[in-house]
């Protein structure tokens, strides 16, 4: 048994080390409390208030949430548009990125050049990309419809036709699929060749190797891309704001949830209502992420982990 006089210096040493660690972490802790934790808590409080930024917030309880779910048709319209992007845009973007990664994983001459070419669009600023595609998708002088006309196809109205506005946004998003492609490519190059050789010896063809070797080894990356894609599509804002001048047209076809939240906060100056929308968005994103994590045990394989 240690004597009190022996353990006391150790406790003092441990306390000094703890204080030293807190001193080094103090800038981050202060930044977190002031610029992250405090605004989050304040937005939760404002979501239960009538607040227009010009007068003090007035507590109204759950009235903002009641109005959201019962008296705001634009809330449901924006939510439906956002789920459209999630259900169609996210799987398509993941599939295109994965397909590009398979193509660029070939051991051919000059492959580094092609990888660079396909990756470059993903680092172009979003505003510049949106303006560029606004011209490309112009129904009269755009290159997309001009190319379709060369094949005898009459191009749609894209951003001026309600039925084609969201597909136009999805098409534009595929142009930047190189960001996801790089991540998939890194995962493909990390798959042990011995697994492919063993599968080939067992008589597995290309599709069998893809299904039973490649995709299981890529499943952690697929999970990561799925979660990040969910978050990104639920917060889809800049492109649609630039391409529709913040209106969400035509006929509210591109009025996505983040754009509706922005208009409520900074155009209508209804900060309490916008805060309630933000917390609903957080709840939806969290619920979808939890569902994905809950089901991931069935299809995600981690090398070296026993099942």
Protein backbone atom coordinates (compact mmCIF):
# COMPACT_ATOMS: atom_id res chain seq x y z
CA UNK A 1 0.00 0.00 0.00
CA UNK A 2 1.38 3.39 -1.04
CA UNK A 3 1.98 5.95 1.61
CA UNK A 4 0.14 9.33 1.30
CA UNK A 5 3.44 11.21 1.05
CA UNK A 6 4.46 9.02 -1.95
CA UNK A 7 1.22 9.36 -3.92
CA UNK A 8 0.79 13.09 -3.36
CA UNK A 9 3.66 14.15 -5.71
CA UNK A 10 2.25 11.84 -8.37
CA UNK A 11 -1.17 13.43 -8.06
CA UNK A 12 0.36 16.88 -8.30
CA UNK A 13 2.33 15.81 -11.37
CA UNK A 14 -0.80 14.37 -13.01
CA UNK A 15 -2.74 17.54 -12.21
CA UNK A 16 -0.02 19.71 -13.73
CA UNK A 17 0.06 17.60 -16.88
CA UNK A 18 -3.72 17.88 -17.13
CA UNK A 19 -3.59 21.66 -16.72
CA UNK A 20 -0.82 21.88 -19.31
CA UNK A 21 -2.90 19.86 -21.76
CA UNK A 22 -5.93 22.08 -21.14
CA UNK A 23 -3.79 25.15 -21.70
CA UNK A 24 -2.68 23.88 -25.10
CA UNK A 25 -6.27 22.92 -25.98
CA UNK A 26 -7.72 26.19 -24.66
CA UNK A 27 -7.77 28.01 -28.05
CA UNK A 28 -9.77 25.19 -29.63
CA UNK A 29 -12.06 24.89 -26.59
CA UNK A 30 -12.77 28.64 -26.59
CA UNK A 31 -13.37 28.58 -30.35
CA UNK A 32 -15.73 25.63 -30.01
CA UNK A 33 -17.73 27.19 -27.18
CA UNK A 34 -18.04 30.65 -28.78
CA UNK A 35 -18.39 29.87 -32.47
CA UNK A 36 -20.02 26.41 -32.48
CA UNK A 37 -21.71 25.42 -29.22
CA UNK A 38 -23.16 28.86 -28.44
CA UNK A 39 -24.68 29.44 -31.93
CA UNK A 40 -26.14 25.91 -31.92
CA UNK A 41 -27.77 26.46 -28.55
CA UNK A 42 -28.98 29.90 -29.58
CA UNK A 43 -30.54 28.56 -32.78
CA UNK A 44 -32.41 25.95 -30.74
CA UNK A 45 -33.75 28.71 -28.50
CA UNK A 46 -34.70 30.89 -31.50
CA UNK A 47 -36.62 27.99 -33.04
CA UNK A 48 -39.16 28.44 -30.24
CA UNK A 49 -39.31 32.21 -30.68
CA UNK A 50 -40.73 34.84 -33.00
CA UNK A 51 -37.53 36.63 -33.99
CA UNK A 52 -36.93 38.99 -36.92
CA UNK A 53 -33.37 40.15 -35.96
CA UNK A 54 -34.60 43.73 -35.44
CA UNK A 55 -36.55 43.22 -32.22
CA UNK A 56 -35.87 40.98 -29.21
CA UNK A 57 -36.98 37.33 -29.59
CA UNK A 58 -40.44 36.56 -28.26
CA UNK A 59 -41.08 33.06 -26.90
CA UNK A 60 -43.95 31.32 -28.74
CA UNK A 61 -43.24 27.69 -27.88
CA UNK A 62 -43.71 25.17 -30.68
CA UNK A 63 -45.66 27.52 -32.95
CA UNK A 64 -42.91 27.61 -35.59
CA UNK A 65 -42.90 23.84 -35.82
CA UNK A 66 -46.70 23.72 -35.99
CA UNK A 67 -46.72 26.22 -38.86
CA UNK A 68 -44.02 24.25 -40.65
CA UNK A 69 -45.92 20.98 -40.68
CA UNK A 70 -49.49 22.27 -41.03
CA UNK A 71 -49.61 25.64 -42.82
CA UNK A 72 -46.55 25.95 -45.08
CA UNK A 73 -46.99 24.23 -48.46
CA UNK A 74 -43.53 25.43 -49.54
CA UNK A 75 -42.01 23.45 -46.68
CA UNK A 76 -43.40 20.21 -48.07
CA UNK A 77 -42.55 21.23 -51.64
CA UNK A 78 -38.94 21.99 -50.73
CA UNK A 79 -38.71 18.78 -48.72
CA UNK A 80 -40.03 16.75 -51.65
CA UNK A 81 -37.56 18.40 -54.04
CA UNK A 82 -34.71 17.62 -51.65
CA UNK A 83 -35.70 13.98 -51.29
CA UNK A 84 -35.87 13.77 -55.09
CA UNK A 85 -32.24 14.88 -55.25
CA UNK A 86 -31.26 12.42 -52.52
CA UNK A 87 -33.07 9.43 -54.03
CA UNK A 88 -31.99 9.98 -57.62
CA UNK A 89 -28.92 12.22 -57.54
CA UNK A 90 -26.99 10.47 -54.78
CA UNK A 91 -27.08 6.88 -56.19
CA UNK A 92 -26.35 8.14 -59.69
CA UNK A 93 -23.37 10.24 -58.59
CA UNK A 94 -21.96 7.33 -56.58
CA UNK A 95 -22.40 4.96 -59.52
CA UNK A 96 -20.70 7.33 -61.96
CA UNK A 97 -17.79 7.97 -59.58
CA UNK A 98 -17.35 4.24 -59.01
CA UNK A 99 -17.54 3.51 -62.74
CA UNK A 100 -14.90 6.13 -63.49
CA UNK A 101 -12.68 4.65 -60.79
CA UNK A 102 -12.94 1.20 -62.39
CA UNK A 103 -12.04 2.62 -65.80
CA UNK A 104 -9.11 4.65 -64.48
CA UNK A 105 -7.75 1.76 -62.43
CA UNK A 106 -6.47 0.07 -65.55
CA UNK A 107 -2.73 -0.25 -65.97
CA UNK A 108 -2.42 1.57 -69.25
CA UNK A 109 -0.02 4.16 -70.57
CA UNK A 110 -0.99 7.78 -69.86
CA UNK A 111 -3.53 6.86 -67.20
CA UNK A 112 -2.25 9.58 -64.85
CA UNK A 113 -3.22 12.20 -67.43
CA UNK A 114 -6.78 10.90 -67.67
CA UNK A 115 -7.11 10.73 -63.89
CA UNK A 116 -6.09 14.38 -63.69
CA UNK A 117 -8.53 15.38 -66.43
CA UNK A 118 -11.47 13.70 -64.71
CA UNK A 119 -10.51 15.08 -61.31
CA UNK A 120 -10.06 18.73 -62.33
CA UNK A 121 -13.80 19.62 -62.58
CA UNK A 122 -14.28 18.70 -58.92
CA UNK A 123 -11.90 21.46 -57.78
CA UNK A 124 -13.46 24.21 -59.93
CA UNK A 125 -15.32 26.71 -57.67
CA UNK A 126 -19.00 25.87 -57.36
CA UNK A 127 -20.15 29.32 -58.49
CA UNK A 128 -18.04 29.13 -61.65
CA UNK A 129 -19.33 25.63 -62.36
CA UNK A 130 -22.94 26.74 -61.92
CA UNK A 131 -22.56 29.69 -64.29
CA UNK A 132 -20.81 27.49 -66.84
CA UNK A 133 -23.59 24.89 -66.77
CA UNK A 134 -26.24 27.59 -66.93
CA UNK A 135 -24.83 28.42 -70.36
CA UNK A 136 -24.32 24.80 -71.37
CA UNK A 137 -27.95 23.98 -70.54
CA UNK A 138 -29.38 27.02 -72.29
CA UNK A 139 -32.18 25.58 -74.46
CA UNK A 140 -31.43 27.93 -77.37
CA UNK A 141 -27.64 28.32 -77.55
CA UNK A 142 -26.38 25.71 -75.07
CA UNK A 143 -23.88 23.08 -76.17
CA UNK A 144 -25.87 20.26 -74.57
CA UNK A 145 -28.96 20.83 -76.73
CA UNK A 146 -26.74 21.56 -79.73
CA UNK A 147 -25.11 18.15 -79.31
CA UNK A 148 -28.51 16.48 -78.98
CA UNK A 149 -29.68 18.26 -82.13
CA UNK A 150 -26.73 16.76 -84.03
CA UNK A 151 -28.13 13.35 -83.11
CA UNK A 152 -31.62 14.28 -84.21
CA UNK A 153 -32.93 14.77 -80.67
CA UNK A 154 -34.74 17.90 -79.62
CA UNK A 155 -33.30 18.99 -76.29
CA UNK A 156 -35.58 19.87 -73.37
CA UNK A 157 -35.94 23.23 -71.69
CA UNK A 158 -33.73 22.16 -68.80
CA UNK A 159 -33.74 25.00 -66.25
CA UNK A 160 -36.88 26.64 -67.69
CA UNK A 161 -39.01 23.47 -67.68
CA UNK A 162 -40.25 22.30 -64.25
CA UNK A 163 -39.99 18.62 -65.22
CA UNK A 164 -36.36 18.95 -66.31
CA UNK A 165 -34.98 21.40 -63.74
CA UNK A 166 -33.98 18.86 -61.09
CA UNK A 167 -32.54 16.38 -63.65
CA UNK A 168 -30.47 19.31 -64.95
CA UNK A 169 -29.02 19.82 -61.47
CA UNK A 170 -28.24 16.11 -61.20
CA UNK A 171 -26.58 16.16 -64.64
CA UNK A 172 -24.46 19.11 -63.60
CA UNK A 173 -23.42 17.28 -60.44
CA UNK A 174 -22.09 14.35 -62.46
CA UNK A 175 -19.53 16.67 -64.02
CA UNK A 176 -17.81 16.88 -60.64
CA UNK A 177 -17.82 13.14 -59.98
CA UNK A 178 -14.01 13.15 -60.01
CA UNK A 179 -13.87 13.94 -56.30
CA UNK A 180 -15.56 10.68 -55.38
CA UNK A 181 -13.64 8.90 -58.13
CA UNK A 182 -10.32 9.62 -56.42
CA UNK A 183 -11.53 8.07 -53.17
CA UNK A 184 -12.83 4.96 -54.91
CA UNK A 185 -9.62 4.71 -56.92
CA UNK A 186 -7.55 4.74 -53.76
CA UNK A 187 -9.74 1.95 -52.37
CA UNK A 188 -9.42 -0.14 -55.53
CA UNK A 189 -5.65 0.09 -55.46
CA UNK A 190 -5.69 -1.09 -51.85
CA UNK A 191 -7.50 -4.36 -52.65
CA UNK A 192 -4.97 -7.22 -52.29
CA UNK A 193 -4.19 -8.90 -55.61
CA UNK A 194 -3.99 -12.23 -53.80
CA UNK A 195 -7.77 -12.15 -53.36
CA UNK A 196 -8.30 -11.80 -57.11
CA UNK A 197 -5.82 -14.60 -57.79
CA UNK A 198 -7.55 -16.91 -55.29
CA UNK A 199 -10.96 -16.10 -56.78
CA UNK A 200 -9.65 -16.78 -60.30
CA UNK A 201 -8.25 -20.14 -59.20
CA UNK A 202 -11.71 -21.01 -57.83
CA UNK A 203 -13.18 -20.31 -61.26
CA UNK A 204 -14.72 -16.89 -60.50
CA UNK A 205 -15.31 -14.74 -63.56
CA UNK A 206 -15.05 -10.92 -63.77
CA UNK A 207 -18.57 -10.31 -62.44
CA UNK A 208 -18.13 -12.80 -59.61
CA UNK A 209 -14.84 -11.17 -58.62
CA UNK A 210 -16.54 -7.78 -58.68
CA UNK A 211 -19.39 -8.97 -56.49
CA UNK A 212 -17.50 -11.13 -54.01
CA UNK A 213 -14.10 -9.41 -53.84
CA UNK A 214 -14.11 -5.82 -55.08
CA UNK A 215 -17.39 -4.52 -53.66
CA UNK A 216 -16.95 -6.09 -50.19
CA UNK A 217 -13.46 -4.59 -49.95
CA UNK A 218 -14.85 -1.21 -51.06
CA UNK A 219 -17.86 -1.35 -48.73
CA UNK A 220 -16.33 0.91 -46.01
CA UNK A 221 -15.63 3.53 -48.67
CA UNK A 222 -19.15 3.12 -50.05
CA UNK A 223 -20.50 3.72 -46.55
CA UNK A 224 -18.39 6.86 -46.16
CA UNK A 225 -19.46 8.20 -49.56
CA UNK A 226 -23.11 7.43 -48.81
CA UNK A 227 -23.06 9.31 -45.50
CA UNK A 228 -21.20 12.30 -46.93
CA UNK A 229 -23.49 12.32 -49.95
CA UNK A 230 -26.59 12.32 -47.73
CA UNK A 231 -25.29 15.31 -45.83
CA UNK A 232 -24.28 17.10 -49.02
CA UNK A 233 -27.57 16.60 -50.85
CA UNK A 234 -29.65 17.61 -47.83
CA UNK A 235 -27.62 20.86 -47.76
CA UNK A 236 -27.64 21.38 -51.54
CA UNK A 237 -27.75 25.15 -51.95
CA UNK A 238 -25.08 27.05 -53.88
CA UNK A 239 -25.72 25.59 -57.33
CA UNK A 240 -29.47 26.10 -57.28
CA UNK A 241 -29.10 29.58 -55.78
CA UNK A 242 -26.75 30.69 -58.57
CA UNK A 243 -28.66 29.03 -61.41
CA UNK A 244 -32.10 30.32 -60.36
CA UNK A 245 -30.99 33.66 -58.87
CA UNK A 246 -32.24 32.49 -55.49
CA UNK A 247 -35.83 32.00 -56.68
CA UNK A 248 -35.95 28.21 -56.84
CA UNK A 249 -37.75 28.24 -60.17
CA UNK A 250 -39.28 27.38 -62.46
CA UNK A 251 -42.53 27.05 -60.50
CA UNK A 252 -40.63 26.10 -57.34
CA UNK A 253 -39.28 22.99 -59.09
CA UNK A 254 -35.79 23.63 -57.69
CA UNK A 255 -36.85 25.14 -54.37
CA UNK A 256 -34.72 22.84 -52.27
CA UNK A 257 -34.87 22.78 -48.48
CA UNK A 258 -31.65 24.72 -47.88
CA UNK A 259 -32.76 27.43 -50.30
CA UNK A 260 -36.16 27.70 -48.60
CA UNK A 261 -34.37 27.99 -45.24
CA UNK A 262 -32.10 30.72 -46.61
CA UNK A 263 -35.03 32.71 -47.98
CA UNK A 264 -36.88 32.47 -44.67
CA UNK A 265 -33.84 33.71 -42.76
CA UNK A 266 -32.28 36.36 -44.98
CA UNK A 267 -35.10 37.52 -47.25
CA UNK A 268 -38.15 37.22 -44.99
CA UNK A 269 -35.99 37.87 -41.88
CA UNK A 270 -37.93 35.25 -39.95
CA UNK A 271 -35.00 33.86 -38.01
CA UNK A 272 -37.12 31.90 -35.56
CA UNK A 273 -38.92 30.09 -38.36
CA UNK A 274 -35.62 29.46 -40.19
CA UNK A 275 -34.08 28.07 -36.99
CA UNK A 276 -36.97 25.64 -36.69
CA UNK A 277 -36.38 24.59 -40.30
CA UNK A 278 -32.69 24.08 -39.55
CA UNK A 279 -33.45 21.76 -36.64
CA UNK A 280 -35.93 19.79 -38.72
CA UNK A 281 -33.21 19.42 -41.37
CA UNK A 282 -30.77 18.26 -38.70
CA UNK A 283 -33.28 15.69 -37.46
CA UNK A 284 -33.95 14.36 -40.97
CA UNK A 285 -30.25 14.10 -41.81
CA UNK A 286 -29.50 12.40 -38.50
CA UNK A 287 -32.38 9.94 -38.94
CA UNK A 288 -31.25 8.96 -42.44
CA UNK A 289 -27.64 8.58 -41.28
CA UNK A 290 -28.72 6.40 -38.36
CA UNK A 291 -30.74 4.16 -40.70
CA UNK A 292 -27.68 3.75 -42.92
CA UNK A 293 -25.43 2.95 -39.95
CA UNK A 294 -28.05 0.58 -38.56
CA UNK A 295 -28.14 -1.43 -41.79
CA UNK A 296 -24.43 -1.15 -42.56
CA UNK A 297 -23.58 -4.24 -40.49
CA UNK A 298 -25.28 -6.35 -43.19
CA UNK A 299 -23.20 -5.12 -46.12
CA UNK A 300 -20.05 -3.40 -44.86
CA UNK A 301 -16.97 -5.60 -44.51
CA UNK A 302 -13.89 -4.52 -42.57
CA UNK A 303 -10.76 -6.51 -43.35
CA UNK A 304 -9.44 -8.39 -40.36
CA UNK A 305 -12.70 -8.08 -38.42
CA UNK A 306 -14.33 -11.34 -37.42
CA UNK A 307 -18.07 -11.70 -37.98
